Amino acid sequence: MRFFRRSLIGLFLLAVTAGLLALGGNTVYSALEARWADEPSQRPARERVFSVRVTTIEPGEITPELTSFGEVRSRRTLDLRAPMGGTVLELADNFQEGGSVQKGQLLARIDPVDMQAAMDVAQTDLLEAEADLSEAQRGIALAKDELAAARTQAELRTRALERQLDLLQRNVGTAAAVEQAELAVSSAEQAVLSRRQAVQQAEARLAQTETLITRRKINMQDAQRRLANTEIFARFDGRLSDVAVSAGRLVANNERLAQLVDPLALEVAFRVSTSQYMRLIDENGALISAPVEIRMDVLGTDLVAEGRLTRESAAVAEGTTGRLLFAEVSEPKGLRPGDFVTVVSKEPALSRVVLLPSAAVGPDQSVLLIGGEDRLELARVEVLRRQGDDVILRAPGLQGREVVMERSQVLGAGIKVNPIREGAAAPQEPDLVELDDERRARIIAFVEANTRIPDEVKTRMLGQLQEAKVPAQMVARIESRMGS
C-alpha cells in the first residue's frame, strides 16, 4: 500500500511539472510572437519637417490707419434759459425730451403781465416827455420873438438918443431931454438882456426835455425787451435735451429750461499719443485734414460714418497726455452726442512697404524666409507701424521672397519646412476603406493587446476602427505590424 501511494504521488508531481513546462513554453512563445509583430525599438532618425504658411513679399503703397476711441459731441448746443422769473404759461407741444423743433418756433411763454404793465408805464412817460418837448419848443420860439422885439425897441431908443444929442449940439435941444433919452436906451438894453436870459432858459428846458425823452425811450426799449423775453424761440433746427420745466411752473431768473442740440452738426473728440500726433501734422506743424472713419458697435452691427480732422486742443489738460483732436462728422447716420465710438484716422500713405501679420515678425524685428531646399533663413526688417494684428514694415532687398506668416518657438534658421502657400489647394481627405467583420475584429484585438501604444492614441484608433470606413493608411500600418 505504501508503494502504491508513493507511485500516485510521483505521477501527480510528474503531471504538474509537465503542465508547468507547457504553460511556460506557451508564455515564451506568445512573447516572442508579440515581439516579432512589433517594429524594432530603435528606428532610424529622421529630420522633422514642419508645415508653415508662407506669403510672397510684394512692396507697395499702404495707407496706415490710426485707431483711437472718442466721444461724439455737438458743435451747436444752446442752453434755453428763462431771461426773467415768472410763471410758465405755455409750452410748445414738442417741448419734451428728444422733441424736434424748427428755427423760429415758439417754445415757451412766461407770464407777461408785469412786463406789459411796465411797458405801458414807459410808453405813457414817453408821451408825457414828448408833450413837454412840444411846449418847450413853443416857449423858445416865443422867447426868441420877445428878444427880437426888445432889440427893435432898443434900436429905436438908440436912434432917439442920437437925435437928442444932435439937437443939443445945434443948441436946439435940452440936456434934460438927452438924459431922458439915455435912460430910455438903458432901459431898452436891460429888456434885451432879460429876453436873452429867457431864451437861454427856454433852450435849457428844451435840452432837458430832449434828454428826458431819450431816457424815456431807453426805458421804453428796455420794457419792450423784457416783454419780448417772455417768449422763448428756437435759434436753429434741433432737438431738445435735459428738459426740466412744465407748464404752470414758477421759474427763476436765468434758470435753465432745456438744452437745444443740433443733431446734424456733430464732431468727435478723441485723444492720441504724442508720437501718433506727430504723424498727423505737416512740415509746418499744422494738423492735416486727414479723413477719418467713425464706427460704433451696436449689438454686432456697426454704425459707420465718415469725417475729417478739423482742429486740435490748444493746451494739454492737467493730468492727461497726448493730444486731443476733433473730427467733423459729415453724415451722422444715427450717431448722437455722448456716443462712445471708435475713430480710425488715415495717415499719409507709405510707399515701398509690406503688410504682414504681427506673428510673422519676431521681437528682434526679424522674419523667417524660405531658402534653398525649403530651409528657413533669418532676415532683418524695419517695422514702421503696428495696426491691430498686422504690421507695416520695410524689407529692402527681399522683394519676391517667401516669408513665414506665423512664427513659433520650434522654427528657426536652418529648419526644413513644408511651405503652404496662399491660394494653394486644400489637402485631400485620406483614402477610406471598408472592413469586413472578421478583419475589423482582428485589427481591434491586436490594438487592444498592444501595450506599447499610449492610452490616448489607442482610444482614438479604436474610435476610428469602429467607423464604417477606416483610413486606409492606418489599416496598412497596423497590418504590417501584425505580419499579415
Protein backbone atom coordinates (compact mmCIF):
# COMPACT_ATOMS: atom_id res chain seq x y z
CA MET A 1 0.00 0.00 0.00
CA ARG A 2 2.84 2.36 0.79
CA PHE A 3 4.39 1.72 -2.63
CA PHE A 4 1.10 2.35 -4.38
CA ARG A 5 0.60 5.66 -2.54
CA ARG A 6 4.09 6.84 -3.39
CA SER A 7 3.58 5.91 -7.01
CA LEU A 8 0.44 8.00 -7.24
CA ILE A 9 2.20 10.99 -5.68
CA GLY A 10 5.05 10.67 -8.14
CA LEU A 11 2.64 10.54 -11.09
CA PHE A 12 0.86 13.61 -9.78
CA LEU A 13 4.06 15.58 -9.44
CA LEU A 14 5.12 14.49 -12.92
CA ALA A 15 1.82 15.69 -14.37
CA VAL A 16 2.10 19.06 -12.58
CA THR A 17 5.65 19.52 -13.80
CA ALA A 18 4.64 18.74 -17.39
CA GLY A 19 1.78 21.24 -17.16
CA LEU A 20 4.01 23.98 -15.80
CA LEU A 21 6.55 23.34 -18.54
CA ALA A 22 3.81 23.58 -21.18
CA LEU A 23 2.47 26.84 -19.68
CA GLY A 24 5.96 28.33 -19.58
CA GLY A 25 6.63 27.35 -23.18
CA ASN A 26 3.32 28.89 -24.29
CA THR A 27 4.16 32.16 -22.46
CA VAL A 28 7.58 32.36 -24.06
CA TYR A 29 6.13 31.68 -27.49
CA SER A 30 3.46 34.38 -27.05
CA ALA A 31 6.10 36.90 -26.00
CA LEU A 32 8.25 36.07 -28.99
CA GLU A 33 5.26 36.31 -31.29
CA ALA A 34 4.36 39.76 -29.91
CA ARG A 35 7.95 40.95 -30.30
CA TRP A 36 8.09 39.66 -33.87
CA ALA A 37 4.92 41.61 -34.64
CA ASP A 38 6.24 44.86 -33.18
CA GLU A 39 8.56 47.26 -35.03
CA PRO A 40 12.14 47.44 -33.95
CA SER A 41 12.53 49.70 -30.88
CA GLN A 42 15.33 51.70 -32.49
CA ARG A 43 14.15 53.45 -35.61
CA PRO A 44 16.41 55.34 -37.91
CA ALA A 45 16.47 59.03 -37.03
CA ARG A 46 14.50 61.21 -39.43
CA GLU A 47 14.54 65.01 -39.76
CA ARG A 48 11.30 66.57 -38.63
CA VAL A 49 9.60 68.77 -41.21
CA PHE A 50 7.14 71.49 -40.11
CA SER A 51 4.31 72.81 -42.26
CA VAL A 52 4.17 76.61 -42.37
CA ARG A 53 2.02 79.14 -44.18
CA VAL A 54 4.01 81.49 -46.37
CA THR A 55 3.34 84.55 -48.48
CA THR A 56 5.36 86.47 -51.03
CA ILE A 57 6.82 89.87 -50.18
CA GLU A 58 5.48 92.40 -52.67
CA PRO A 59 6.25 96.02 -51.63
CA GLY A 60 3.62 98.61 -52.49
CA GLU A 61 1.84 101.73 -51.23
CA ILE A 62 -0.15 101.35 -47.99
CA THR A 63 -2.16 103.94 -46.07
CA PRO A 64 -1.63 103.34 -42.33
CA GLU A 65 -4.63 103.57 -40.04
CA LEU A 66 -4.53 105.06 -36.55
CA THR A 67 -7.19 103.65 -34.23
CA SER A 68 -8.42 105.51 -31.17
CA PHE A 69 -11.56 105.97 -29.10
CA GLY A 70 -13.58 109.13 -28.67
CA GLU A 71 -16.88 110.75 -27.78
CA VAL A 72 -19.44 112.28 -30.12
CA ARG A 73 -20.26 115.92 -29.42
CA SER A 74 -22.48 118.56 -30.99
CA ARG A 75 -20.85 121.64 -32.48
CA ARG A 76 -24.03 123.68 -31.88
CA THR A 77 -25.55 123.47 -28.40
CA LEU A 78 -27.75 126.15 -26.83
CA ASP A 79 -28.98 126.40 -23.24
CA LEU A 80 -32.61 127.55 -23.13
CA ARG A 81 -32.85 129.74 -20.01
CA ALA A 82 -35.59 131.94 -18.58
CA PRO A 83 -34.50 135.58 -19.18
CA MET A 84 -36.60 136.58 -16.18
CA GLY A 85 -38.56 134.93 -13.43
CA GLY A 86 -42.24 134.18 -13.66
CA THR A 87 -44.87 131.56 -14.27
CA VAL A 88 -44.62 129.43 -17.40
CA LEU A 89 -47.96 129.92 -19.13
CA GLU A 90 -47.42 127.94 -22.32
CA LEU A 91 -45.07 125.31 -23.74
CA ALA A 92 -44.81 124.00 -27.29
CA ASP A 93 -46.38 120.61 -27.96
CA ASN A 94 -42.96 119.11 -28.73
CA PHE A 95 -41.25 120.75 -25.74
CA GLN A 96 -40.17 117.39 -24.35
CA GLU A 97 -37.11 115.18 -24.16
CA GLY A 98 -35.96 114.45 -27.72
CA GLY A 99 -38.56 116.74 -29.30
CA SER A 100 -37.67 118.17 -32.71
CA VAL A 101 -38.08 121.92 -33.12
CA GLN A 102 -37.71 124.29 -36.06
CA LYS A 103 -35.84 127.56 -36.24
CA GLY A 104 -38.03 130.47 -35.05
CA GLN A 105 -40.59 128.20 -33.37
CA LEU A 106 -42.16 129.46 -30.13
CA LEU A 107 -41.02 127.09 -27.39
CA ALA A 108 -42.21 128.68 -24.14
CA ARG A 109 -44.08 131.77 -22.89
CA ILE A 110 -43.70 133.28 -19.40
CA ASP A 111 -46.49 135.32 -17.76
CA PRO A 112 -46.08 138.83 -19.34
CA VAL A 113 -48.45 140.81 -17.05
CA ASP A 114 -45.77 142.65 -15.08
CA MET A 115 -43.66 143.32 -18.17
CA GLN A 116 -46.72 144.55 -20.09
CA ALA A 117 -47.59 146.97 -17.25
CA ALA A 118 -44.01 148.24 -17.15
CA MET A 119 -44.08 148.82 -20.90
CA ASP A 120 -47.40 150.72 -20.65
CA VAL A 121 -45.95 152.97 -17.94
CA ALA A 122 -42.82 153.59 -20.01
CA GLN A 123 -44.94 154.39 -23.04
CA THR A 124 -47.04 156.88 -21.02
CA ASP A 125 -43.91 158.55 -19.64
CA LEU A 126 -42.57 158.87 -23.17
CA LEU A 127 -45.79 160.55 -24.36
CA GLU A 128 -45.60 162.97 -21.43
CA ALA A 129 -41.99 163.83 -22.26
CA GLU A 130 -42.89 164.38 -25.89
CA ALA A 131 -45.64 166.82 -24.80
CA ASP A 132 -43.12 168.68 -22.66
CA LEU A 133 -40.83 168.83 -25.66
CA SER A 134 -43.54 170.44 -27.78
CA GLU A 135 -44.23 173.01 -25.05
CA ALA A 136 -40.50 173.76 -24.71
CA GLN A 137 -40.19 174.23 -28.45
CA ARG A 138 -43.12 176.69 -28.45
CA GLY A 139 -41.67 178.52 -25.43
CA ILE A 140 -38.30 179.03 -27.07
CA ALA A 141 -39.99 180.37 -30.19
CA LEU A 142 -41.91 182.93 -28.09
CA ALA A 143 -38.75 183.86 -26.18
CA LYS A 144 -36.91 184.48 -29.42
CA ASP A 145 -39.75 186.67 -30.69
CA GLU A 146 -39.70 188.71 -27.46
CA LEU A 147 -35.92 189.07 -27.77
CA ALA A 148 -36.30 190.37 -31.31
CA ALA A 149 -38.95 192.88 -30.19
CA ALA A 150 -36.72 194.07 -27.32
CA ARG A 151 -33.81 194.54 -29.68
CA THR A 152 -36.02 196.59 -32.04
CA GLN A 153 -37.15 198.73 -29.10
CA ALA A 154 -33.52 199.23 -28.07
CA GLU A 155 -32.60 200.32 -31.59
CA LEU A 156 -35.44 202.86 -31.61
CA ARG A 157 -34.35 204.26 -28.27
CA THR A 158 -30.76 204.47 -29.50
CA ARG A 159 -31.79 206.44 -32.58
CA ALA A 160 -33.88 208.79 -30.35
CA LEU A 161 -30.80 209.37 -28.16
CA GLU A 162 -28.70 210.15 -31.20
CA ARG A 163 -31.35 212.63 -32.38
CA GLN A 164 -31.40 214.40 -28.99
CA LEU A 165 -27.64 214.65 -28.97
CA ASP A 166 -27.70 216.18 -32.45
CA LEU A 167 -30.28 218.76 -31.34
CA LEU A 168 -28.20 219.52 -28.25
CA GLN A 169 -25.12 220.16 -30.44
CA ARG A 170 -27.14 222.60 -32.52
CA ASN A 171 -28.38 224.32 -29.29
CA VAL A 172 -31.91 223.33 -30.13
CA GLY A 173 -32.43 220.56 -27.56
CA THR A 174 -32.00 220.42 -23.84
CA ALA A 175 -29.80 218.38 -21.55
CA ALA A 176 -32.88 217.03 -19.78
CA ALA A 177 -34.21 215.55 -23.00
CA VAL A 178 -30.83 213.93 -23.71
CA GLU A 179 -30.73 212.48 -20.19
CA GLN A 180 -34.25 211.10 -20.59
CA ALA A 181 -33.30 209.50 -23.92
CA GLU A 182 -30.21 207.91 -22.31
CA LEU A 183 -32.38 206.42 -19.55
CA ALA A 184 -34.75 205.02 -22.18
CA VAL A 185 -31.83 203.41 -24.05
CA SER A 186 -30.52 201.85 -20.84
CA SER A 187 -33.96 200.52 -20.04
CA ALA A 188 -34.27 199.02 -23.55
CA GLU A 189 -30.87 197.33 -23.24
CA GLN A 190 -31.92 195.88 -19.89
CA ALA A 191 -35.04 194.47 -21.54
CA VAL A 192 -32.92 192.88 -24.28
CA LEU A 193 -30.75 191.22 -21.63
CA SER A 194 -33.84 189.88 -19.85
CA ARG A 195 -35.18 188.47 -23.09
CA ARG A 196 -31.82 186.79 -23.81
CA GLN A 197 -31.96 185.16 -20.41
CA ALA A 198 -35.48 183.96 -21.18
CA VAL A 199 -34.26 182.47 -24.47
CA GLN A 200 -31.40 180.65 -22.70
CA GLN A 201 -33.82 179.31 -20.10
CA ALA A 202 -36.13 178.10 -22.86
CA GLU A 203 -33.19 176.43 -24.65
CA ALA A 204 -32.08 174.73 -21.41
CA ARG A 205 -35.61 173.45 -20.83
CA LEU A 206 -35.66 172.15 -24.40
CA ALA A 207 -32.34 170.32 -23.86
CA GLN A 208 -33.61 168.83 -20.58
CA THR A 209 -36.80 167.73 -22.30
CA GLU A 210 -34.84 166.10 -25.12
CA THR A 211 -32.65 164.28 -22.54
CA LEU A 212 -35.77 163.16 -20.72
CA ILE A 213 -37.24 161.84 -23.98
CA THR A 214 -34.04 159.90 -24.66
CA ARG A 215 -34.19 158.39 -21.17
CA ARG A 216 -37.87 157.56 -21.59
CA LYS A 217 -37.12 155.92 -24.96
CA ILE A 218 -34.44 153.80 -23.29
CA ASN A 219 -36.92 152.80 -20.62
CA MET A 220 -39.44 152.04 -23.35
CA GLN A 221 -36.94 149.84 -25.22
CA ASP A 222 -35.98 148.04 -22.02
CA ALA A 223 -39.64 147.39 -21.27
CA GLN A 224 -40.16 146.10 -24.81
CA ARG A 225 -37.11 143.85 -24.47
CA ARG A 226 -38.32 142.48 -21.16
CA LEU A 227 -41.73 141.87 -22.65
CA ALA A 228 -40.19 140.14 -25.67
CA ASN A 229 -38.09 137.97 -23.33
CA THR A 230 -41.26 136.38 -22.02
CA GLU A 231 -41.31 134.36 -25.26
CA ILE A 232 -38.51 131.87 -25.98
CA PHE A 233 -37.89 130.90 -29.61
CA ALA A 234 -35.65 128.26 -31.21
CA ARG A 235 -32.47 129.75 -32.67
CA PHE A 236 -31.89 126.82 -35.05
CA ASP A 237 -33.30 123.43 -36.04
CA GLY A 238 -32.51 120.80 -33.45
CA ARG A 239 -33.71 118.53 -30.67
CA LEU A 240 -34.43 119.25 -27.02
CA SER A 241 -32.45 117.60 -24.25
CA ASP A 242 -32.43 117.81 -20.43
CA VAL A 243 -35.96 119.24 -20.32
CA ALA A 244 -36.60 120.44 -16.75
CA VAL A 245 -39.78 122.55 -16.88
CA SER A 246 -43.52 122.08 -17.22
CA ALA A 247 -46.47 124.40 -17.83
CA GLY A 248 -47.56 126.35 -14.75
CA ARG A 249 -44.20 126.10 -13.01
CA LEU A 250 -42.65 129.19 -11.42
CA VAL A 251 -39.13 129.66 -12.80
CA ALA A 252 -36.35 131.89 -11.51
CA ASN A 253 -34.29 134.37 -13.47
CA ASN A 254 -31.72 132.63 -15.74
CA GLU A 255 -33.00 129.17 -14.78
CA ARG A 256 -32.24 126.55 -17.44
CA LEU A 257 -35.36 125.11 -19.02
CA ALA A 258 -33.78 122.71 -21.53
CA GLN A 259 -30.90 122.33 -23.95
CA LEU A 260 -31.21 122.66 -27.71
CA VAL A 261 -28.85 120.38 -29.64
CA ASP A 262 -28.22 120.28 -33.36
CA PRO A 263 -28.11 116.52 -34.21
CA LEU A 264 -26.59 117.12 -37.64
CA ALA A 265 -23.65 119.32 -36.63
CA LEU A 266 -21.64 116.61 -34.86
CA GLU A 267 -17.96 116.14 -34.18
CA VAL A 268 -15.84 113.52 -32.45
CA ALA A 269 -13.27 114.33 -29.76
CA PHE A 270 -10.57 111.68 -29.37
CA ARG A 271 -7.12 111.54 -27.82
CA VAL A 272 -3.93 110.25 -29.44
CA SER A 273 -0.39 109.88 -28.16
CA THR A 274 2.26 112.44 -28.98
CA SER A 275 4.04 110.06 -31.37
CA GLN A 276 0.78 109.41 -33.21
CA TYR A 277 0.07 113.14 -33.31
CA MET A 278 3.44 113.78 -34.96
CA ARG A 279 2.35 111.58 -37.87
CA LEU A 280 -0.77 113.73 -38.42
CA ILE A 281 0.94 117.10 -38.90
CA ASP A 282 2.63 118.55 -41.97
CA GLU A 283 6.10 120.06 -42.32
CA ASN A 284 4.80 123.39 -40.94
CA GLY A 285 3.44 121.77 -37.78
CA ALA A 286 -0.21 122.22 -38.75
CA LEU A 287 -2.76 119.43 -38.39
CA ILE A 288 -3.56 117.82 -41.74
CA SER A 289 -7.15 117.49 -42.86
CA ALA A 290 -6.98 113.69 -42.88
CA PRO A 291 -10.14 111.61 -43.45
CA VAL A 292 -11.42 109.56 -40.53
CA GLU A 293 -13.90 106.75 -40.12
CA ILE A 294 -16.21 106.69 -37.10
CA ARG A 295 -17.59 103.31 -36.04
CA MET A 296 -19.91 102.32 -33.20
CA ASP A 297 -20.69 98.68 -32.46
CA VAL A 298 -24.41 98.17 -31.81
CA LEU A 299 -25.15 94.52 -30.96
CA GLY A 300 -22.84 93.26 -33.68
CA THR A 301 -23.94 95.85 -36.26
CA ASP A 302 -21.54 98.73 -36.89
CA LEU A 303 -22.78 102.28 -37.41
CA VAL A 304 -20.20 103.78 -39.76
CA ALA A 305 -19.81 107.47 -40.60
CA GLU A 306 -17.20 109.46 -42.46
CA GLY A 307 -15.45 112.56 -41.16
CA ARG A 308 -12.38 114.75 -41.42
CA LEU A 309 -9.91 116.20 -38.92
CA THR A 310 -10.62 119.86 -38.25
CA ARG A 311 -8.67 121.09 -35.20
CA GLU A 312 -6.74 120.19 -32.06
CA SER A 313 -6.86 121.31 -28.45
CA ALA A 314 -4.96 124.47 -27.60
CA ALA A 315 -3.43 123.04 -24.41
CA VAL A 316 -2.94 119.74 -22.64
CA ALA A 317 -5.32 119.36 -19.72
CA GLU A 318 -3.87 118.70 -16.30
CA GLY A 319 -3.37 115.01 -15.61
CA THR A 320 -3.58 113.98 -19.29
CA THR A 321 -1.06 113.20 -22.01
CA GLY A 322 -1.02 113.25 -25.78
CA ARG A 323 -3.23 115.50 -27.89
CA LEU A 324 -6.98 115.96 -28.07
CA LEU A 325 -8.15 116.06 -31.69
CA PHE A 326 -11.53 116.93 -33.19
CA ALA A 327 -13.05 115.48 -36.35
CA GLU A 328 -16.16 116.83 -38.04
CA VAL A 329 -18.74 114.16 -38.92
CA SER A 330 -20.05 114.63 -42.45
CA GLU A 331 -23.02 112.25 -42.23
CA PRO A 332 -24.01 111.27 -38.66
CA LYS A 333 -26.16 108.23 -39.69
CA GLY A 334 -27.70 107.52 -36.31
CA LEU A 335 -24.94 108.92 -34.08
CA ARG A 336 -25.94 111.05 -31.12
CA PRO A 337 -23.96 113.32 -28.77
CA GLY A 338 -22.45 111.26 -25.97
CA ASP A 339 -21.86 108.09 -28.03
CA PHE A 340 -18.59 106.27 -27.40
CA VAL A 341 -17.11 105.43 -30.81
CA THR A 342 -14.01 104.04 -32.45
CA VAL A 343 -12.14 106.52 -34.64
CA VAL A 344 -9.88 105.29 -37.45
CA SER A 345 -7.69 108.06 -38.88
CA LYS A 346 -5.98 107.80 -42.24
CA GLU A 347 -2.30 108.70 -42.11
CA PRO A 348 -0.25 109.80 -45.13
CA ALA A 349 0.45 106.87 -47.47
CA LEU A 350 3.77 104.99 -47.21
CA SER A 351 5.47 103.71 -50.37
CA ARG A 352 7.52 100.53 -50.87
CA VAL A 353 6.24 98.87 -47.69
CA VAL A 354 4.77 95.45 -46.88
CA LEU A 355 1.79 94.47 -44.74
CA LEU A 356 2.33 91.25 -42.74
CA PRO A 357 0.70 89.60 -39.73
CA SER A 358 2.23 90.54 -36.38
CA ALA A 359 3.04 86.86 -35.78
CA ALA A 360 5.44 86.92 -38.73
CA VAL A 361 7.84 89.39 -37.07
CA GLY A 362 9.96 88.44 -34.09
CA PRO A 363 10.78 90.67 -31.12
CA ASP A 364 14.14 91.49 -32.72
CA GLN A 365 12.39 92.76 -35.90
CA SER A 366 13.32 89.71 -37.95
CA VAL A 367 11.38 87.40 -40.27
CA LEU A 368 11.91 83.84 -41.48
CA LEU A 369 12.33 83.36 -45.24
CA ILE A 370 12.11 80.21 -47.32
CA GLY A 371 15.57 79.44 -48.66
CA GLY A 372 17.12 76.63 -50.65
CA GLU A 373 15.77 73.11 -50.07
CA ASP A 374 12.84 74.71 -48.20
CA ARG A 375 15.04 75.61 -45.26
CA LEU A 376 14.42 78.74 -43.21
CA GLU A 377 16.61 81.81 -43.34
CA LEU A 378 16.64 84.77 -40.94
CA ALA A 379 16.35 88.33 -42.31
CA ARG A 380 16.09 91.76 -40.66
CA VAL A 381 13.26 94.19 -41.45
CA GLU A 382 12.23 97.68 -40.30
CA VAL A 383 8.86 97.87 -38.56
CA LEU A 384 7.15 101.20 -39.32
CA ARG A 385 3.62 100.81 -37.94
CA ARG A 386 1.60 98.38 -35.88
CA GLN A 387 -2.11 98.39 -36.52
CA GLY A 388 -4.28 95.69 -34.99
CA ASP A 389 -2.94 92.20 -35.75
CA ASP A 390 -0.80 93.44 -38.65
CA VAL A 391 2.44 95.35 -39.04
CA ILE A 392 3.66 97.63 -41.79
CA LEU A 393 7.34 97.15 -42.45
CA ARG A 394 10.03 97.97 -44.94
CA ALA A 395 12.04 94.98 -46.21
CA PRO A 396 14.81 96.21 -48.55
CA GLY A 397 16.19 93.57 -50.87
CA LEU A 398 13.53 90.97 -50.04
CA GLN A 399 11.09 91.59 -52.88
CA GLY A 400 9.72 88.33 -54.25
CA ARG A 401 10.94 86.23 -51.31
CA GLU A 402 8.56 83.98 -49.40
CA VAL A 403 8.15 84.75 -45.70
CA VAL A 404 6.63 82.64 -42.90
CA MET A 405 3.34 84.18 -41.78
CA GLU A 406 3.23 82.62 -38.30
CA ARG A 407 6.40 82.08 -36.30
CA SER A 408 6.68 79.69 -33.36
CA GLN A 409 9.32 78.64 -30.87
CA VAL A 410 10.22 75.49 -32.84
CA LEU A 411 11.02 77.44 -36.00
CA GLY A 412 14.44 78.88 -36.63
CA ALA A 413 17.13 79.35 -39.20
CA GLY A 414 18.16 76.12 -40.99
CA ILE A 415 14.99 74.13 -40.18
CA LYS A 416 13.39 72.33 -43.10
CA VAL A 417 9.71 73.17 -43.62
CA ASN A 418 6.82 72.28 -45.85
CA PRO A 419 5.61 75.65 -47.18
CA ILE A 420 1.85 76.08 -47.61
CA ARG A 421 1.42 78.96 -50.00
CA GLU A 422 -1.58 81.24 -50.08
CA GLY A 423 -4.16 80.11 -52.59
CA ALA A 424 -2.86 76.53 -52.62
CA ALA A 425 -5.40 73.74 -52.90
CA ALA A 426 -6.62 72.32 -49.61
CA PRO A 427 -5.18 68.93 -48.65
CA GLN A 428 -7.27 66.00 -49.78
CA GLU A 429 -9.04 63.81 -47.29
CA PRO A 430 -7.28 60.47 -46.56
CA ASP A 431 -8.42 57.39 -48.50
CA LEU A 432 -11.01 55.32 -46.63
CA VAL A 433 -11.68 51.57 -46.88
CA GLU A 434 -14.47 49.35 -45.69
CA LEU A 435 -13.56 46.37 -43.44
CA ASP A 436 -15.41 43.11 -43.03
CA ASP A 437 -16.29 41.97 -39.52
CA GLU A 438 -13.51 39.39 -39.25
CA ARG A 439 -10.79 41.75 -40.42
CA ARG A 440 -12.07 44.57 -38.20
CA ALA A 441 -12.19 42.26 -35.15
CA ARG A 442 -8.66 41.01 -35.77
CA ILE A 443 -7.26 44.55 -36.03
CA ILE A 444 -9.16 45.72 -32.94
CA ALA A 445 -7.89 42.73 -30.95
CA PHE A 446 -4.32 43.49 -31.97
CA VAL A 447 -4.62 47.16 -30.98
CA GLU A 448 -6.16 46.28 -27.61
CA ALA A 449 -3.45 43.73 -26.87
CA ASN A 450 -0.58 46.07 -27.79
CA THR A 451 0.77 47.56 -24.57
CA ARG A 452 3.22 49.90 -26.29
CA ILE A 453 0.53 52.18 -27.67
CA PRO A 454 -0.36 55.14 -25.37
CA ASP A 455 -3.87 55.09 -23.97
CA GLU A 456 -4.96 58.32 -25.70
CA VAL A 457 -3.71 57.11 -29.09
CA LYS A 458 -5.27 53.70 -28.55
CA THR A 459 -8.64 55.26 -27.71
CA ARG A 460 -8.52 57.41 -30.85
CA MET A 461 -7.55 54.43 -33.04
CA LEU A 462 -10.30 52.23 -31.62
CA GLY A 463 -12.81 55.02 -32.25
CA GLN A 464 -11.72 55.25 -35.88
CA LEU A 465 -11.86 51.46 -36.27
CA GLN A 466 -15.50 51.46 -35.16
CA GLU A 467 -16.48 53.72 -38.07
CA ALA A 468 -17.99 52.31 -41.25
CA LYS A 469 -14.96 53.46 -43.23
CA VAL A 470 -11.45 53.42 -41.83
CA PRO A 471 -8.40 55.32 -43.12
CA ALA A 472 -6.50 53.03 -45.45
CA GLN A 473 -3.12 54.30 -44.29
CA MET A 474 -3.85 53.37 -40.66
CA VAL A 475 -5.07 49.89 -41.65
CA ALA A 476 -1.96 49.24 -43.72
CA ARG A 477 0.32 50.37 -40.88
CA ILE A 478 -1.39 48.10 -38.30
CA GLU A 479 -1.47 45.06 -40.59
CA SER A 480 2.23 45.50 -41.41
CA ARG A 481 2.97 45.24 -37.70
CA MET A 482 0.71 42.22 -37.42
CA GLY A 483 2.76 40.46 -40.09
CA SER A 484 -0.14 39.91 -42.47
